[in-house]
C-alpha atoms as a PDB file:
ATOM      1  CA  MET A   1     -21.891  87.487 144.428  1.00  0.00           C
ATOM      2  CA  ARG A   2     -19.301  85.747 142.391  1.00  0.00           C
ATOM      3  CA  VAL A   3     -16.535  83.455 143.794  1.00  0.00           C
ATOM      4  CA  ASP A   4     -14.017  86.346 142.996  1.00  0.00           C
ATOM      5  CA  GLY A   5     -16.115  88.811 145.109  1.00  0.00           C
ATOM      6  CA  SER A   6     -17.450  90.794 142.040  1.00  0.00           C
ATOM      7  CA  VAL A   7     -21.018  91.600 142.301  1.00  0.00           C
ATOM      8  CA  ILE A   8     -23.628  90.440 139.633  1.00  0.00           C
ATOM      9  CA  VAL A   9     -26.324  93.074 139.108  1.00  0.00           C
ATOM     10  CA  ILE A  10     -29.711  91.390 138.081  1.00  0.00           C
ATOM     11  CA  GLY A  11     -31.930  93.418 135.883  1.00  0.00           C
ATOM     12  CA  ARG A  12     -29.522  96.002 134.822  1.00  0.00           C
ATOM     13  CA  PRO A  13     -27.403  94.950 131.986  1.00  0.00           C
ATOM     14  CA  GLY A  14     -25.023  97.109 130.187  1.00  0.00           C
ATOM     15  CA  ARG A  15     -26.041  99.912 127.922  1.00  0.00           C
ATOM     16  CA  PRO A  16     -27.190  99.430 124.299  1.00  0.00           C
ATOM     17  CA  ARG A  17     -24.707 100.190 121.718  1.00  0.00           C
ATOM     18  CA  PRO A  18     -25.009 103.855 120.149  1.00  0.00           C
ATOM     19  CA  GLY A  19     -26.225 102.473 116.854  1.00  0.00           C
ATOM     20  CA  ARG A  20     -29.295 100.746 118.517  1.00  0.00           C
ATOM     21  CA  PHE A  21     -30.058 104.094 120.371  1.00  0.00           C
ATOM     22  CA  LEU A  22     -29.669 106.105 116.979  1.00  0.00           C
ATOM     23  CA  ALA A  23     -32.144 103.353 115.315  1.00  0.00           C
ATOM     24  CA  ALA A  24     -34.573 103.917 118.344  1.00  0.00           C
ATOM     25  CA  ALA A  25     -34.389 107.711 118.061  1.00  0.00           C
ATOM     26  CA  MET A  26     -35.019 107.452 114.238  1.00  0.00           C
ATOM     27  CA  VAL A  27     -38.050 105.221 114.716  1.00  0.00           C
ATOM     28  CA  ALA A  28     -39.497 107.525 117.335  1.00  0.00           C
ATOM     29  CA  GLY A  29     -38.890 110.431 115.067  1.00  0.00           C
ATOM     30  CA  GLY A  30     -40.426 108.674 112.157  1.00  0.00           C
ATOM     31  CA  ALA A  31     -43.492 107.956 114.176  1.00  0.00           C
ATOM     32  CA  PHE A  32     -43.696 111.479 115.524  1.00  0.00           C
ATOM     33  CA  MET A  33     -43.476 112.780 111.803  1.00  0.00           C
ATOM     34  CA  ALA A  34     -46.163 110.298 110.864  1.00  0.00           C
ATOM     35  CA  GLY A  35     -48.429 111.551 113.699  1.00  0.00           C
ATOM     36  CA  ARG A  36     -48.100 115.049 112.314  1.00  0.00           C
ATOM     37  CA  ALA A  37     -49.401 113.841 108.759  1.00  0.00           C
ATOM     38  CA  ALA A  38     -52.459 111.982 110.431  1.00  0.00           C
ATOM     39  CA  THR A  39     -55.829 113.398 111.518  1.00  0.00           C
ATOM     40  CA  ALA A  40     -55.800 115.010 115.084  1.00  0.00           C
ATOM     41  CA  GLY A  41     -57.584 111.978 116.598  1.00  0.00           C
ATOM     42  CA  ILE A  42     -54.965 109.556 115.401  1.00  0.00           C
ATOM     43  CA  GLY A  43     -51.867 111.865 115.249  1.00  0.00           C
ATOM     44  CA  THR A  44     -51.816 113.336 118.603  1.00  0.00           C
ATOM     45  CA  PRO A  45     -51.693 110.005 120.531  1.00  0.00           C
ATOM     46  CA  VAL A  46     -49.057 108.825 118.168  1.00  0.00           C
ATOM     47  CA  MET A  47     -46.978 111.683 118.641  1.00  0.00           C
ATOM     48  CA  LEU A  48     -47.258 111.430 122.199  1.00  0.00           C
ATOM     49  CA  LEU A  49     -46.581 107.798 122.481  1.00  0.00           C
ATOM     50  CA  ALA A  50     -43.265 108.463 120.199  1.00  0.00           C
ATOM     51  CA  LEU A  51     -42.150 111.224 122.645  1.00  0.00           C
ATOM     52  CA  ALA A  52     -42.804 109.186 125.803  1.00  0.00           C
ATOM     53  CA  GLY A  53     -41.236 105.966 124.184  1.00  0.00           C
ATOM     54  CA  ILE A  54     -37.996 107.773 123.533  1.00  0.00           C
ATOM     55  CA  ALA A  55     -37.998 109.554 126.551  1.00  0.00           C
ATOM     56  CA  GLY A  56     -38.488 106.442 128.654  1.00  0.00           C
ATOM     57  CA  LEU A  57     -35.841 104.698 126.830  1.00  0.00           C
ATOM     58  CA  THR A  58     -33.454 107.589 127.339  1.00  0.00           C
ATOM     59  CA  VAL A  59     -33.993 107.476 131.145  1.00  0.00           C
ATOM     60  CA  LEU A  60     -33.912 103.879 131.396  1.00  0.00           C
ATOM     61  CA  TRP A  61     -30.816 103.422 129.076  1.00  0.00           C
ATOM     62  CA  SER A  62     -28.966 106.327 130.385  1.00  0.00           C
ATOM     63  CA  THR A  63     -28.832 104.874 134.039  1.00  0.00           C
ATOM     64  CA  ARG A  64     -26.777 101.871 132.909  1.00  0.00           C
ATOM     65  CA  ALA A  65     -23.065 101.717 133.360  1.00  0.00           C
ATOM     66  CA  ASN A  66     -20.669 102.929 130.499  1.00  0.00           C
ATOM     67  CA  TRP A  67     -23.298 105.537 129.217  1.00  0.00           C
ATOM     68  CA  GLY A  68     -21.392 108.138 127.251  1.00  0.00           C
ATOM     69  CA  ALA A  69     -21.038 110.851 124.821  1.00  0.00           C
ATOM     70  CA  TRP A  70     -21.628 108.458 121.775  1.00  0.00           C
ATOM     71  CA  HIS A  71     -25.110 107.707 123.159  1.00  0.00           C
ATOM     72  CA  ARG A  72     -25.878 111.487 123.547  1.00  0.00           C
ATOM     73  CA  TYR A  73     -24.582 111.970 119.998  1.00  0.00           C
ATOM     74  CA  ALA A  74     -26.753 109.053 118.599  1.00  0.00           C
ATOM     75  CA  LEU A  75     -29.702 110.574 120.196  1.00  0.00           C
ATOM     76  CA  ALA A  76     -29.195 114.048 118.733  1.00  0.00           C
ATOM     77  CA  GLY A  77     -27.923 112.492 115.471  1.00  0.00           C
ATOM     78  CA  GLY A  78     -31.399 110.651 115.369  1.00  0.00           C
ATOM     79  CA  ALA A  79     -33.295 113.883 115.738  1.00  0.00           C
ATOM     80  CA  VAL A  80     -31.353 115.670 113.305  1.00  0.00           C
ATOM     81  CA  LEU A  81     -31.544 112.843 110.671  1.00  0.00           C
ATOM     82  CA  THR A  82     -35.364 112.560 111.201  1.00  0.00           C
ATOM     83  CA  TYR A  83     -35.941 116.170 110.515  1.00  0.00           C
ATOM     84  CA  THR A  84     -33.338 115.902 107.583  1.00  0.00           C
ATOM     85  CA  TRP A  85     -35.159 113.210 105.792  1.00  0.00           C
ATOM     86  CA  HIS A  86     -38.728 114.938 106.599  1.00  0.00           C
ATOM     87  CA  ALA A  87     -37.434 117.986 104.901  1.00  0.00           C
ATOM     88  CA  PHE A  88     -37.017 116.199 101.708  1.00  0.00           C
ATOM     89  CA  THR A  89     -40.673 114.886 101.897  1.00  0.00           C
ATOM     90  CA  THR A  90     -42.338 117.881 102.962  1.00  0.00           C
ATOM     91  CA  ALA A  91     -44.490 120.198 100.522  1.00  0.00           C
ATOM     92  CA  PRO A  92     -43.173 123.566 100.216  1.00  0.00           C
ATOM     93  CA  VAL A  93     -45.080 126.371 102.109  1.00  0.00           C
ATOM     94  CA  ARG A  94     -46.241 129.346  99.881  1.00  0.00           C
ATOM     95  CA  GLY A  95     -46.764 132.289 101.848  1.00  0.00           C
ATOM     96  CA  ALA A  96     -47.746 135.796 100.933  1.00  0.00           C
ATOM     97  CA  GLY A  97     -44.252 136.688  99.921  1.00  0.00           C
ATOM     98  CA  SER A  98     -43.736 133.988  97.236  1.00  0.00           C
ATOM     99  CA  ARG A  99     -43.778 134.802  93.625  1.00  0.00           C
END
């Protein structure tokens, strides 16, 4: 406790900036997409680690003070941006209906 009566919380610093959370979501999304391109023996653990990592960070950071709408927006934006850049690097699928 400080002299002015305020309490110091140890081990729970403030939340990260939304930009850092956006970067973490994009890194996890990139790892997830890289796992899809790998063989099943390597890709599955990579994908599971990426999902567990971003889920763990979300749970950890969302319990901190001042978590808000911009942080949720950053998480959603990271997912959307990951699928957006992945769409440009994916080979087209040719099905029975293609000419």
